[in-house]
Amino acid sequence: MPGKVKAYELQSKSKNDLTKQLAELRTEYLNLRVQKIAGGSAAKLTKINTVRKSVARVLTVTNQKQRQNLREFYKNKKYLPLDLRPKKTRAIRRRLTKHEASLKTLKQRKKEAHFPIRKYAVKA
């Protein structure tokens, strides 16, 4: 198995391929840890770091793909799961929506209908 895995190469792989590669990387990592305890060579010890990072890359790509699929699934639905909604700040999330803020009360609508703003012709 090659030492370093490139993220852009992983993007094109299917979910099954990614899980297989993840299993291979984890077994390789396990073997390297055993060799570390047994007193392996320096080259093997430096390889541990690259394998760990490769495992992280594979997991990252699988999570990205999963989230992308979920976004596609929920695209035209009424509600989004909490982890797919924009984070922003707590205050912004609780603020009135643009629609809610623009609504007028019945009394206000009646007042505007019966007493419109007067128009004046000002001499220049």
PDB file of N, CA and C in Angstrom:
ATOM      1  N   MET A   1       0.856  -1.197   0.000  1.00  0.00           N
ATOM      2  CA  MET A   1       0.000   0.000   0.000  1.00  0.00           C
ATOM      3  C   MET A   1       0.887   1.240   0.000  1.00  0.00           C
ATOM      4  N   PRO A   2       0.614   2.199  -0.901  1.00  0.00           N
ATOM      5  CA  PRO A   2       1.424   3.416  -0.913  1.00  0.00           C
ATOM      6  C   PRO A   2       1.252   4.192   0.382  1.00  0.00           C
ATOM      7  N   GLY A   3       2.322   4.893   0.770  1.00  0.00           N
ATOM      8  CA  GLY A   3       2.332   5.579   2.059  1.00  0.00           C
ATOM      9  C   GLY A   3       1.310   6.682   2.197  1.00  0.00           C
ATOM     10  N   LYS A   4       1.336   7.641   1.268  1.00  0.00           N
ATOM     11  CA  LYS A   4       0.477   8.813   1.436  1.00  0.00           C
ATOM     12  C   LYS A   4      -0.710   8.747   0.482  1.00  0.00           C
ATOM     13  N   VAL A   5      -1.867   9.071   1.000  1.00  0.00           N
ATOM     14  CA  VAL A   5      -3.093   9.067   0.201  1.00  0.00           C
ATOM     15  C   VAL A   5      -3.467  10.507  -0.107  1.00  0.00           C
ATOM     16  N   LYS A   6      -3.815  10.760  -1.364  1.00  0.00           N
ATOM     17  CA  LYS A   6      -4.209  12.104  -1.776  1.00  0.00           C
ATOM     18  C   LYS A   6      -5.731  12.231  -1.690  1.00  0.00           C
ATOM     19  N   ALA A   7      -6.192  13.353  -1.146  1.00  0.00           N
ATOM     20  CA  ALA A   7      -7.631  13.553  -0.943  1.00  0.00           C
ATOM     21  C   ALA A   7      -8.375  13.618  -2.277  1.00  0.00           C
ATOM     22  N   TYR A   8      -7.776  14.251  -3.289  1.00  0.00           N
ATOM     23  CA  TYR A   8      -8.470  14.383  -4.577  1.00  0.00           C
ATOM     24  C   TYR A   8      -8.633  13.032  -5.268  1.00  0.00           C
ATOM     25  N   GLU A   9      -7.733  12.084  -4.963  1.00  0.00           N
ATOM     26  CA  GLU A   9      -7.882  10.741  -5.524  1.00  0.00           C
ATOM     27  C   GLU A   9      -9.030   9.998  -4.833  1.00  0.00           C
ATOM     28  N   LEU A  10      -9.205  10.285  -3.545  1.00  0.00           N
ATOM     29  CA  LEU A  10     -10.263   9.613  -2.783  1.00  0.00           C
ATOM     30  C   LEU A  10     -11.648  10.093  -3.197  1.00  0.00           C
ATOM     31  N   GLN A  11     -11.753  11.348  -3.656  1.00  0.00           N
ATOM     32  CA  GLN A  11     -13.059  11.918  -4.001  1.00  0.00           C
ATOM     33  C   GLN A  11     -13.787  11.092  -5.057  1.00  0.00           C
ATOM     34  N   SER A  12     -13.018  10.520  -5.996  1.00  0.00           N
ATOM     35  CA  SER A  12     -13.633   9.793  -7.109  1.00  0.00           C
ATOM     36  C   SER A  12     -14.012   8.356  -6.741  1.00  0.00           C
ATOM     37  N   LYS A  13     -13.527   7.862  -5.607  1.00  0.00           N
ATOM     38  CA  LYS A  13     -13.798   6.471  -5.225  1.00  0.00           C
ATOM     39  C   LYS A  13     -15.191   6.306  -4.636  1.00  0.00           C
ATOM     40  N   SER A  14     -15.706   5.084  -4.720  1.00  0.00           N
ATOM     41  CA  SER A  14     -17.035   4.793  -4.168  1.00  0.00           C
ATOM     42  C   SER A  14     -16.925   4.541  -2.664  1.00  0.00           C
ATOM     43  N   LYS A  15     -18.072   4.430  -2.034  1.00  0.00           N
ATOM     44  CA  LYS A  15     -18.110   4.240  -0.581  1.00  0.00           C
ATOM     45  C   LYS A  15     -17.472   2.908  -0.190  1.00  0.00           C
ATOM     46  N   ASN A  16     -17.746   1.861  -0.984  1.00  0.00           N
ATOM     47  CA  ASN A  16     -17.178   0.540  -0.684  1.00  0.00           C
ATOM     48  C   ASN A  16     -15.656   0.553  -0.782  1.00  0.00           C
ATOM     49  N   ASP A  17     -15.142   1.209  -1.832  1.00  0.00           N
ATOM     50  CA  ASP A  17     -13.685   1.306  -1.996  1.00  0.00           C
ATOM     51  C   ASP A  17     -13.053   2.040  -0.814  1.00  0.00           C
ATOM     52  N   LEU A  18     -13.716   3.109  -0.372  1.00  0.00           N
ATOM     53  CA  LEU A  18     -13.184   3.889   0.747  1.00  0.00           C
ATOM     54  C   LEU A  18     -13.166   3.064   2.033  1.00  0.00           C
ATOM     55  N   THR A  19     -14.221   2.285   2.272  1.00  0.00           N
ATOM     56  CA  THR A  19     -14.246   1.464   3.493  1.00  0.00           C
ATOM     57  C   THR A  19     -13.177   0.383   3.443  1.00  0.00           C
ATOM     58  N   LYS A  20     -12.959  -0.197   2.245  1.00  0.00           N
ATOM     59  CA  LYS A  20     -11.886  -1.200   2.095  1.00  0.00           C
ATOM     60  C   LYS A  20     -10.523  -0.568   2.368  1.00  0.00           C
ATOM     61  N   GLN A  21     -10.296   0.601   1.792  1.00  0.00           N
ATOM     62  CA  GLN A  21      -9.016   1.284   1.972  1.00  0.00           C
ATOM     63  C   GLN A  21      -8.813   1.657   3.437  1.00  0.00           C
ATOM     64  N   LEU A  22      -9.880   2.071   4.097  1.00  0.00           N
ATOM     65  CA  LEU A  22      -9.809   2.415   5.512  1.00  0.00           C
ATOM     66  C   LEU A  22      -9.420   1.192   6.336  1.00  0.00           C
ATOM     67  N   ALA A  23     -10.018   0.056   6.033  1.00  0.00           N
ATOM     68  CA  ALA A  23      -9.689  -1.184   6.759  1.00  0.00           C
ATOM     69  C   ALA A  23      -8.220  -1.556   6.542  1.00  0.00           C
ATOM     70  N   GLU A  24      -7.745  -1.431   5.294  1.00  0.00           N
ATOM     71  CA  GLU A  24      -6.340  -1.736   4.993  1.00  0.00           C
ATOM     72  C   GLU A  24      -5.395  -0.812   5.760  1.00  0.00           C
ATOM     73  N   LEU A  25      -5.717   0.474   5.741  1.00  0.00           N
ATOM     74  CA  LEU A  25      -4.872   1.441   6.444  1.00  0.00           C
ATOM     75  C   LEU A  25      -4.842   1.170   7.945  1.00  0.00           C
ATOM     76  N   ARG A  26      -5.992   0.799   8.500  1.00  0.00           N
ATOM     77  CA  ARG A  26      -6.038   0.526   9.939  1.00  0.00           C
ATOM     78  C   ARG A  26      -5.255  -0.722  10.302  1.00  0.00           C
ATOM     79  N   THR A  27      -5.315  -1.759   9.454  1.00  0.00           N
ATOM     80  CA  THR A  27      -4.516  -2.960   9.733  1.00  0.00           C
ATOM     81  C   THR A  27      -3.024  -2.637   9.627  1.00  0.00           C
ATOM     82  N   GLU A  28      -2.679  -1.812   8.619  1.00  0.00           N
ATOM     83  CA  GLU A  28      -1.274  -1.400   8.465  1.00  0.00           C
ATOM     84  C   GLU A  28      -0.809  -0.617   9.691  1.00  0.00           C
ATOM     85  N   TYR A  29      -1.674   0.264  10.170  1.00  0.00           N
ATOM     86  CA  TYR A  29      -1.360   1.053  11.362  1.00  0.00           C
ATOM     87  C   TYR A  29      -1.163   0.154  12.576  1.00  0.00           C
ATOM     88  N   LEU A  30      -2.021  -0.842  12.698  1.00  0.00           N
ATOM     89  CA  LEU A  30      -1.909  -1.805  13.801  1.00  0.00           C
ATOM     90  C   LEU A  30      -0.565  -2.525  13.749  1.00  0.00           C
ATOM     91  N   ASN A  31      -0.176  -2.987  12.558  1.00  0.00           N
ATOM     92  CA  ASN A  31       1.111  -3.686  12.392  1.00  0.00           C
ATOM     93  C   ASN A  31       2.282  -2.772  12.742  1.00  0.00           C
ATOM     94  N   LEU A  32       2.185  -1.515  12.307  1.00  0.00           N
ATOM     95  CA  LEU A  32       3.271  -0.572  12.592  1.00  0.00           C
ATOM     96  C   LEU A  32       3.401  -0.311  14.092  1.00  0.00           C
ATOM     97  N   ARG A  33       2.289  -0.259  14.791  1.00  0.00           N
ATOM     98  CA  ARG A  33       2.332  -0.047  16.243  1.00  0.00           C
ATOM     99  C   ARG A  33       2.959  -1.242  16.951  1.00  0.00           C
ATOM    100  N   VAL A  34       2.639  -2.424  16.451  1.00  0.00           N
ATOM    101  CA  VAL A  34       3.242  -3.640  17.025  1.00  0.00           C
ATOM    102  C   VAL A  34       4.751  -3.621  16.804  1.00  0.00           C
ATOM    103  N   GLN A  35       5.175  -3.245  15.602  1.00  0.00           N
ATOM    104  CA  GLN A  35       6.608  -3.184  15.285  1.00  0.00           C
ATOM    105  C   GLN A  35       7.320  -2.123  16.120  1.00  0.00           C
ATOM    106  N   LYS A  36       6.604  -1.049  16.433  1.00  0.00           N
ATOM    107  CA  LYS A  36       7.189   0.017  17.258  1.00  0.00           C
ATOM    108  C   LYS A  36       7.539  -0.533  18.636  1.00  0.00           C
ATOM    109  N   ILE A  37       6.597  -1.297  19.200  1.00  0.00           N
ATOM    110  CA  ILE A  37       6.824  -1.884  20.521  1.00  0.00           C
ATOM    111  C   ILE A  37       7.944  -2.921  20.456  1.00  0.00           C
ATOM    112  N   ALA A  38       7.966  -3.703  19.346  1.00  0.00           N
ATOM    113  CA  ALA A  38       8.985  -4.748  19.190  1.00  0.00           C
ATOM    114  C   ALA A  38      10.351  -4.161  18.861  1.00  0.00           C
ATOM    115  N   GLY A  39      10.400  -2.867  18.553  1.00  0.00           N
ATOM    116  CA  GLY A  39      11.684  -2.228  18.238  1.00  0.00           C
ATOM    117  C   GLY A  39      11.979  -2.268  16.756  1.00  0.00           C
ATOM    118  N   GLY A  40      11.064  -1.733  15.972  1.00  0.00           N
ATOM    119  CA  GLY A  40      11.233  -1.722  14.521  1.00  0.00           C
ATOM    120  C   GLY A  40      12.225  -0.667  14.064  1.00  0.00           C
ATOM    121  N   SER A  41      12.462  -0.649  12.744  1.00  0.00           N
ATOM    122  CA  SER A  41      13.421   0.302  12.178  1.00  0.00           C
ATOM    123  C   SER A  41      12.836   1.719  12.199  1.00  0.00           C
ATOM    124  N   ALA A  42      13.727   2.688  12.029  1.00  0.00           N
ATOM    125  CA  ALA A  42      13.326   4.100  12.077  1.00  0.00           C
ATOM    126  C   ALA A  42      12.382   4.447  10.930  1.00  0.00           C
ATOM    127  N   ALA A  43      12.576   3.800   9.775  1.00  0.00           N
ATOM    128  CA  ALA A  43      11.731   4.069   8.612  1.00  0.00           C
ATOM    129  C   ALA A  43      10.278   3.679   8.899  1.00  0.00           C
ATOM    130  N   LYS A  44      10.128   2.566   9.602  1.00  0.00           N
ATOM    131  CA  LYS A  44       8.774   2.103   9.935  1.00  0.00           C
ATOM    132  C   LYS A  44       8.122   3.059  10.933  1.00  0.00           C
ATOM    133  N   LEU A  45       8.918   3.557  11.869  1.00  0.00           N
ATOM    134  CA  LEU A  45       8.378   4.460  12.883  1.00  0.00           C
ATOM    135  C   LEU A  45       7.914   5.771  12.266  1.00  0.00           C
ATOM    136  N   THR A  46       8.624   6.258  11.260  1.00  0.00           N
ATOM    137  CA  THR A  46       8.205   7.504  10.614  1.00  0.00           C
ATOM    138  C   THR A  46       6.969   7.281   9.743  1.00  0.00           C
ATOM    139  N   LYS A  47       6.774   6.032   9.315  1.00  0.00           N
ATOM    140  CA  LYS A  47       5.620   5.731   8.467  1.00  0.00           C
ATOM    141  C   LYS A  47       4.313   5.774   9.261  1.00  0.00           C
ATOM    142  N   ILE A  48       4.396   5.598  10.584  1.00  0.00           N
ATOM    143  CA  ILE A  48       3.196   5.608  11.432  1.00  0.00           C
ATOM    144  C   ILE A  48       2.417   6.910  11.242  1.00  0.00           C
ATOM    145  N   ASN A  49       3.145   8.007  11.227  1.00  0.00           N
ATOM    146  CA  ASN A  49       2.513   9.320  11.101  1.00  0.00           C
ATOM    147  C   ASN A  49       1.757   9.457   9.782  1.00  0.00           C
ATOM    148  N   THR A  50       2.380   9.026   8.670  1.00  0.00           N
ATOM    149  CA  THR A  50       1.719   9.140   7.361  1.00  0.00           C
ATOM    150  C   THR A  50       0.480   8.254   7.292  1.00  0.00           C
ATOM    151  N   VAL A  51       0.540   7.074   7.909  1.00  0.00           N
ATOM    152  CA  VAL A  51      -0.618   6.167   7.897  1.00  0.00           C
ATOM    153  C   VAL A  51      -1.756   6.773   8.709  1.00  0.00           C
ATOM    154  N   ARG A  52      -1.424   7.357   9.869  1.00  0.00           N
ATOM    155  CA  ARG A  52      -2.452   8.001  10.690  1.00  0.00           C
ATOM    156  C   ARG A  52      -3.149   9.120   9.908  1.00  0.00           C
ATOM    157  N   LYS A  53      -2.333   9.940   9.231  1.00  0.00           N
ATOM    158  CA  LYS A  53      -2.894  11.052   8.456  1.00  0.00           C
ATOM    159  C   LYS A  53      -3.740  10.524   7.289  1.00  0.00           C
ATOM    160  N   SER A  54      -3.321   9.423   6.694  1.00  0.00           N
ATOM    161  CA  SER A  54      -4.076   8.833   5.589  1.00  0.00           C
ATOM    162  C   SER A  54      -5.434   8.328   6.065  1.00  0.00           C
ATOM    163  N   VAL A  55      -5.459   7.718   7.262  1.00  0.00           N
ATOM    164  CA  VAL A  55      -6.725   7.263   7.846  1.00  0.00           C
ATOM    165  C   VAL A  55      -7.644   8.465   8.030  1.00  0.00           C
ATOM    166  N   ALA A  56      -7.081   9.561   8.535  1.00  0.00           N
ATOM    167  CA  ALA A  56      -7.873  10.773   8.751  1.00  0.00           C
ATOM    168  C   ALA A  56      -8.419  11.308   7.432  1.00  0.00           C
ATOM    169  N   ARG A  57      -7.604  11.270   6.375  1.00  0.00           N
ATOM    170  CA  ARG A  57      -8.050  11.753   5.067  1.00  0.00           C
ATOM    171  C   ARG A  57      -9.219  10.923   4.542  1.00  0.00           C
ATOM    172  N   VAL A  58      -9.104   9.608   4.660  1.00  0.00           N
ATOM    173  CA  VAL A  58     -10.177   8.727   4.173  1.00  0.00           C
ATOM    174  C   VAL A  58     -11.474   9.000   4.944  1.00  0.00           C
ATOM    175  N   LEU A  59     -11.354   9.138   6.268  1.00  0.00           N
ATOM    176  CA  LEU A  59     -12.540   9.416   7.090  1.00  0.00           C
ATOM    177  C   LEU A  59     -13.157  10.767   6.726  1.00  0.00           C
ATOM    178  N   THR A  60     -12.300  11.758   6.479  1.00  0.00           N
ATOM    179  CA  THR A  60     -12.774  13.095   6.111  1.00  0.00           C
ATOM    180  C   THR A  60     -13.548  13.039   4.799  1.00  0.00           C
ATOM    181  N   VAL A  61     -13.000  12.342   3.815  1.00  0.00           N
ATOM    182  CA  VAL A  61     -13.662  12.264   2.507  1.00  0.00           C
ATOM    183  C   VAL A  61     -14.994  11.526   2.624  1.00  0.00           C
ATOM    184  N   THR A  62     -15.043  10.442   3.413  1.00  0.00           N
ATOM    185  CA  THR A  62     -16.315   9.720   3.574  1.00  0.00           C
ATOM    186  C   THR A  62     -17.360  10.613   4.241  1.00  0.00           C
ATOM    187  N   ASN A  63     -16.942  11.374   5.259  1.00  0.00           N
ATOM    188  CA  ASN A  63     -17.877  12.283   5.927  1.00  0.00           C
ATOM    189  C   ASN A  63     -18.367  13.378   4.984  1.00  0.00           C
ATOM    190  N   GLN A  64     -17.452  13.919   4.183  1.00  0.00           N
ATOM    191  CA  GLN A  64     -17.836  14.951   3.222  1.00  0.00           C
ATOM    192  C   GLN A  64     -18.861  14.419   2.231  1.00  0.00           C
ATOM    193  N   LYS A  65     -18.615  13.203   1.734  1.00  0.00           N
ATOM    194  CA  LYS A  65     -19.541  12.598   0.771  1.00  0.00           C
ATOM    195  C   LYS A  65     -20.901  12.356   1.403  1.00  0.00           C
ATOM    196  N   GLN A  66     -20.883  11.858   2.638  1.00  0.00           N
ATOM    197  CA  GLN A  66     -22.130  11.567   3.341  1.00  0.00           C
ATOM    198  C   GLN A  66     -22.947  12.852   3.544  1.00  0.00           C
ATOM    199  N   ARG A  67     -22.266  13.918   3.967  1.00  0.00           N
ATOM    200  CA  ARG A  67     -22.954  15.197   4.177  1.00  0.00           C
ATOM    201  C   ARG A  67     -23.490  15.758   2.857  1.00  0.00           C
ATOM    202  N   GLN A  68     -22.728  15.588   1.783  1.00  0.00           N
ATOM    203  CA  GLN A  68     -23.157  16.067   0.471  1.00  0.00           C
ATOM    204  C   GLN A  68     -24.423  15.330   0.023  1.00  0.00           C
ATOM    205  N   ASN A  69     -24.447  14.007   0.248  1.00  0.00           N
ATOM    206  CA  ASN A  69     -25.626  13.216  -0.113  1.00  0.00           C
ATOM    207  C   ASN A  69     -26.837  13.644   0.710  1.00  0.00           C
ATOM    208  N   LEU A  70     -26.608  13.919   2.003  1.00  0.00           N
ATOM    209  CA  LEU A  70     -27.707  14.374   2.853  1.00  0.00           C
ATOM    210  C   LEU A  70     -28.238  15.732   2.404  1.00  0.00           C
ATOM    211  N   ARG A  71     -27.317  16.620   2.013  1.00  0.00           N
ATOM    212  CA  ARG A  71     -27.735  17.935   1.524  1.00  0.00           C
ATOM    213  C   ARG A  71     -28.615  17.789   0.273  1.00  0.00           C
ATOM    214  N   GLU A  72     -28.216  16.875  -0.630  1.00  0.00           N
ATOM    215  CA  GLU A  72     -29.009  16.626  -1.832  1.00  0.00           C
ATOM    216  C   GLU A  72     -30.387  16.078  -1.464  1.00  0.00           C
ATOM    217  N   PHE A  73     -30.415  15.165  -0.478  1.00  0.00           N
ATOM    218  CA  PHE A  73     -31.671  14.535  -0.065  1.00  0.00           C
ATOM    219  C   PHE A  73     -32.640  15.560   0.515  1.00  0.00           C
ATOM    220  N   TYR A  74     -32.120  16.480   1.350  1.00  0.00           N
ATOM    221  CA  TYR A  74     -32.965  17.454   2.036  1.00  0.00           C
ATOM    222  C   TYR A  74     -33.121  18.765   1.267  1.00  0.00           C
ATOM    223  N   LYS A  75     -32.673  18.798   0.005  1.00  0.00           N
ATOM    224  CA  LYS A  75     -32.615  20.060  -0.739  1.00  0.00           C
ATOM    225  C   LYS A  75     -33.959  20.794  -0.793  1.00  0.00           C
ATOM    226  N   ASN A  76     -35.038  20.116  -1.172  1.00  0.00           N
ATOM    227  CA  ASN A  76     -36.325  20.801  -1.332  1.00  0.00           C
ATOM    228  C   ASN A  76     -37.319  20.444  -0.227  1.00  0.00           C
ATOM    229  N   LYS A  77     -36.814  19.950   0.888  1.00  0.00           N
ATOM    230  CA  LYS A  77     -37.685  19.623   2.012  1.00  0.00           C
ATOM    231  C   LYS A  77     -37.935  20.880   2.853  1.00  0.00           C
ATOM    232  N   LYS A  78     -38.975  20.805   3.688  1.00  0.00           N
ATOM    233  CA  LYS A  78     -39.322  21.972   4.498  1.00  0.00           C
ATOM    234  C   LYS A  78     -38.293  22.207   5.596  1.00  0.00           C
ATOM    235  N   TYR A  79     -37.842  21.137   6.246  1.00  0.00           N
ATOM    236  CA  TYR A  79     -36.899  21.274   7.363  1.00  0.00           C
ATOM    237  C   TYR A  79     -35.573  20.597   7.046  1.00  0.00           C
ATOM    238  N   LEU A  80     -34.498  21.198   7.564  1.00  0.00           N
ATOM    239  CA  LEU A  80     -33.154  20.630   7.446  1.00  0.00           C
ATOM    240  C   LEU A  80     -32.746  20.083   8.798  1.00  0.00           C
ATOM    241  N   PRO A  81     -31.941  19.016   8.837  1.00  0.00           N
ATOM    242  CA  PRO A  81     -31.396  18.583  10.127  1.00  0.00           C
ATOM    243  C   PRO A  81     -30.511  19.687  10.716  1.00  0.00           C
ATOM    244  N   LEU A  82     -30.431  19.724  12.032  1.00  0.00           N
ATOM    245  CA  LEU A  82     -29.708  20.808  12.711  1.00  0.00           C
ATOM    246  C   LEU A  82     -28.260  20.934  12.257  1.00  0.00           C
ATOM    247  N   ASP A  83     -27.584  19.800  12.040  1.00  0.00           N
ATOM    248  CA  ASP A  83     -26.167  19.879  11.676  1.00  0.00           C
ATOM    249  C   ASP A  83     -25.941  20.340  10.241  1.00  0.00           C
ATOM    250  N   LEU A  84     -26.999  20.415   9.436  1.00  0.00           N
ATOM    251  CA  LEU A  84     -26.843  20.908   8.069  1.00  0.00           C
ATOM    252  C   LEU A  84     -27.279  22.370   7.927  1.00  0.00           C
ATOM    253  N   ARG A  85     -27.853  22.923   8.984  1.00  0.00           N
ATOM    254  CA  ARG A  85     -28.273  24.326   8.940  1.00  0.00           C
ATOM    255  C   ARG A  85     -27.073  25.235   9.149  1.00  0.00           C
ATOM    256  N   PRO A  86     -27.162  26.492   8.648  1.00  0.00           N
ATOM    257  CA  PRO A  86     -26.040  27.414   8.885  1.00  0.00           C
ATOM    258  C   PRO A  86     -25.896  27.737  10.368  1.00  0.00           C
ATOM    259  N   LYS A  87     -24.663  27.760  10.863  1.00  0.00           N
ATOM    260  CA  LYS A  87     -24.401  27.934  12.291  1.00  0.00           C
ATOM    261  C   LYS A  87     -24.706  29.364  12.744  1.00  0.00           C
ATOM    262  N   LYS A  88     -24.088  30.347  12.112  1.00  0.00           N
ATOM    263  CA  LYS A  88     -24.240  31.763  12.473  1.00  0.00           C
ATOM    264  C   LYS A  88     -24.055  31.961  13.976  1.00  0.00           C
ATOM    265  N   THR A  89     -24.885  32.805  14.605  1.00  0.00           N
ATOM    266  CA  THR A  89     -24.803  32.973  16.057  1.00  0.00           C
ATOM    267  C   THR A  89     -26.175  32.703  16.634  1.00  0.00           C
ATOM    268  N   ARG A  90     -26.233  32.481  17.917  1.00  0.00           N
ATOM    269  CA  ARG A  90     -27.491  32.137  18.576  1.00  0.00           C
ATOM    270  C   ARG A  90     -28.506  33.269  18.409  1.00  0.00           C
ATOM    271  N   ALA A  91     -28.032  34.521  18.546  1.00  0.00           N
ATOM    272  CA  ALA A  91     -28.911  35.681  18.423  1.00  0.00           C
ATOM    273  C   ALA A  91     -29.488  35.772  17.009  1.00  0.00           C
ATOM    274  N   ILE A  92     -28.645  35.557  16.012  1.00  0.00           N
ATOM    275  CA  ILE A  92     -29.116  35.636  14.623  1.00  0.00           C
ATOM    276  C   ILE A  92     -30.129  34.533  14.340  1.00  0.00           C
ATOM    277  N   ARG A  93     -29.879  33.322  14.863  1.00  0.00           N
ATOM    278  CA  ARG A  93     -30.807  32.221  14.640  1.00  0.00           C
ATOM    279  C   ARG A  93     -32.176  32.488  15.256  1.00  0.00           C
ATOM    280  N   ARG A  94     -32.211  33.237  16.359  1.00  0.00           N
ATOM    281  CA  ARG A  94     -33.478  33.504  17.041  1.00  0.00           C
ATOM    282  C   ARG A  94     -34.189  34.756  16.528  1.00  0.00           C
ATOM    283  N   ARG A  95     -33.492  35.534  15.717  1.00  0.00           N
ATOM    284  CA  ARG A  95     -34.051  36.773  15.199  1.00  0.00           C
ATOM    285  C   ARG A  95     -35.259  36.482  14.301  1.00  0.00           C
ATOM    286  N   LEU A  96     -36.163  37.476  14.178  1.00  0.00           N
ATOM    287  CA  LEU A  96     -37.294  37.318  13.267  1.00  0.00           C
ATOM    288  C   LEU A  96     -36.793  37.174  11.838  1.00  0.00           C
ATOM    289  N   THR A  97     -37.515  36.371  11.053  1.00  0.00           N
ATOM    290  CA  THR A  97     -37.151  36.247   9.646  1.00  0.00           C
ATOM    291  C   THR A  97     -37.535  37.537   8.929  1.00  0.00           C
ATOM    292  N   LYS A  98     -37.053  37.717   7.703  1.00  0.00           N
ATOM    293  CA  LYS A  98     -37.362  38.919   6.927  1.00  0.00           C
ATOM    294  C   LYS A  98     -38.880  39.040   6.754  1.00  0.00           C
ATOM    295  N   HIS A  99     -39.538  37.925   6.495  1.00  0.00           N
ATOM    296  CA  HIS A  99     -40.993  37.929   6.295  1.00  0.00           C
ATOM    297  C   HIS A  99     -41.712  38.341   7.576  1.00  0.00           C
ATOM    298  N   GLU A 100     -41.308  37.742   8.703  1.00  0.00           N
ATOM    299  CA  GLU A 100     -41.955  38.048   9.982  1.00  0.00           C
ATOM    300  C   GLU A 100     -41.771  39.517  10.363  1.00  0.00           C
ATOM    301  N   ALA A 101     -40.589  40.062  10.092  1.00  0.00           N
ATOM    302  CA  ALA A 101     -40.302  41.447  10.448  1.00  0.00           C
ATOM    303  C   ALA A 101     -41.106  42.422   9.581  1.00  0.00           C
ATOM    304  N   SER A 102     -41.417  42.027   8.345  1.00  0.00           N
ATOM    305  CA  SER A 102     -42.114  42.944   7.439  1.00  0.00           C
ATOM    306  C   SER A 102     -43.632  42.915   7.611  1.00  0.00           C
ATOM    307  N   LEU A 103     -44.159  41.956   8.374  1.00  0.00           N
ATOM    308  CA  LEU A 103     -45.608  41.871   8.559  1.00  0.00           C
ATOM    309  C   LEU A 103     -46.135  43.074   9.336  1.00  0.00           C
ATOM    310  N   LYS A 104     -47.369  43.489   8.994  1.00  0.00           N
ATOM    311  CA  LYS A 104     -47.994  44.617   9.679  1.00  0.00           C
ATOM    312  C   LYS A 104     -49.254  44.125  10.379  1.00  0.00           C
ATOM    313  N   THR A 105     -49.578  44.768  11.492  1.00  0.00           N
ATOM    314  CA  THR A 105     -50.787  44.395  12.227  1.00  0.00           C
ATOM    315  C   THR A 105     -52.016  44.879  11.464  1.00  0.00           C
ATOM    316  N   LEU A 106     -53.168  44.331  11.828  1.00  0.00           N
ATOM    317  CA  LEU A 106     -54.419  44.726  11.195  1.00  0.00           C
ATOM    318  C   LEU A 106     -54.677  46.218  11.402  1.00  0.00           C
ATOM    319  N   LYS A 107     -54.413  46.693  12.608  1.00  0.00           N
ATOM    320  CA  LYS A 107     -54.633  48.104  12.939  1.00  0.00           C
ATOM    321  C   LYS A 107     -53.745  48.998  12.060  1.00  0.00           C
ATOM    322  N   GLN A 108     -52.497  48.603  11.879  1.00  0.00           N
ATOM    323  CA  GLN A 108     -51.562  49.381  11.062  1.00  0.00           C
ATOM    324  C   GLN A 108     -52.023  49.413   9.602  1.00  0.00           C
ATOM    325  N   ARG A 109     -52.498  48.270   9.094  1.00  0.00           N
ATOM    326  CA  ARG A 109     -52.973  48.220   7.710  1.00  0.00           C
ATOM    327  C   ARG A 109     -54.198  49.127   7.514  1.00  0.00           C
ATOM    328  N   LYS A 110     -55.105  49.104   8.489  1.00  0.00           N
ATOM    329  CA  LYS A 110     -56.299  49.955   8.400  1.00  0.00           C
ATOM    330  C   LYS A 110     -55.909  51.431   8.419  1.00  0.00           C
ATOM    331  N   LYS A 111     -54.993  51.790   9.301  1.00  0.00           N
ATOM    332  CA  LYS A 111     -54.539  53.177   9.435  1.00  0.00           C
ATOM    333  C   LYS A 111     -53.933  53.672   8.123  1.00  0.00           C
ATOM    334  N   GLU A 112     -53.088  52.809   7.496  1.00  0.00           N
ATOM    335  CA  GLU A 112     -52.458  53.208   6.233  1.00  0.00           C
ATOM    336  C   GLU A 112     -53.478  53.321   5.106  1.00  0.00           C
ATOM    337  N   ALA A 113     -54.523  52.480   5.150  1.00  0.00           N
ATOM    338  CA  ALA A 113     -55.540  52.530   4.101  1.00  0.00           C
ATOM    339  C   ALA A 113     -56.412  53.777   4.235  1.00  0.00           C
ATOM    340  N   HIS A 114     -56.790  54.125   5.460  1.00  0.00           N
ATOM    341  CA  HIS A 114     -57.702  55.248   5.672  1.00  0.00           C
ATOM    342  C   HIS A 114     -57.011  56.610   5.724  1.00  0.00           C
ATOM    343  N   PHE A 115     -55.764  56.624   6.151  1.00  0.00           N
ATOM    344  CA  PHE A 115     -55.032  57.891   6.258  1.00  0.00           C
ATOM    345  C   PHE A 115     -53.710  57.807   5.497  1.00  0.00           C
ATOM    346  N   PRO A 116     -53.794  57.835   4.170  1.00  0.00           N
ATOM    347  CA  PRO A 116     -52.534  57.727   3.408  1.00  0.00           C
ATOM    348  C   PRO A 116     -51.672  58.968   3.601  1.00  0.00           C
ATOM    349  N   ILE A 117     -50.384  58.838   3.312  1.00  0.00           N
ATOM    350  CA  ILE A 117     -49.464  59.967   3.434  1.00  0.00           C
ATOM    351  C   ILE A 117     -49.872  61.028   2.420  1.00  0.00           C
ATOM    352  N   ARG A 118     -49.992  62.273   2.881  1.00  0.00           N
ATOM    353  CA  ARG A 118     -50.445  63.361   2.005  1.00  0.00           C
ATOM    354  C   ARG A 118     -49.321  63.744   1.050  1.00  0.00           C
ATOM    355  N   LYS A 119     -49.769  64.088  -0.167  1.00  0.00           N
ATOM    356  CA  LYS A 119     -48.808  64.500  -1.190  1.00  0.00           C
ATOM    357  C   LYS A 119     -48.972  66.012  -1.369  1.00  0.00           C
ATOM    358  N   TYR A 120     -47.863  66.721  -1.342  1.00  0.00           N
ATOM    359  CA  TYR A 120     -47.887  68.180  -1.513  1.00  0.00           C
ATOM    360  C   TYR A 120     -47.131  68.559  -2.785  1.00  0.00           C
ATOM    361  N   ALA A 121     -47.674  69.532  -3.487  1.00  0.00           N
ATOM    362  CA  ALA A 121     -46.972  70.085  -4.633  1.00  0.00           C
ATOM    363  C   ALA A 121     -46.171  71.275  -4.139  1.00  0.00           C
ATOM    364  N   VAL A 122     -44.859  71.115  -4.101  1.00  0.00           N
ATOM    365  CA  VAL A 122     -43.995  72.185  -3.582  1.00  0.00           C
ATOM    366  C   VAL A 122     -43.512  73.022  -4.752  1.00  0.00           C
ATOM    367  N   LYS A 123     -43.682  74.373  -4.597  1.00  0.00           N
ATOM    368  CA  LYS A 123     -43.222  75.281  -5.635  1.00  0.00           C
ATOM    369  C   LYS A 123     -41.698  75.393  -5.558  1.00  0.00           C
ATOM    370  N   ALA A 124     -41.084  75.233  -6.717  1.00  0.00           N
ATOM    371  CA  ALA A 124     -39.621  75.228  -6.751  1.00  0.00           C
ATOM    372  C   ALA A 124     -38.990  76.580  -6.704  1.00  0.00           C
TER     373      ALA A 124
END
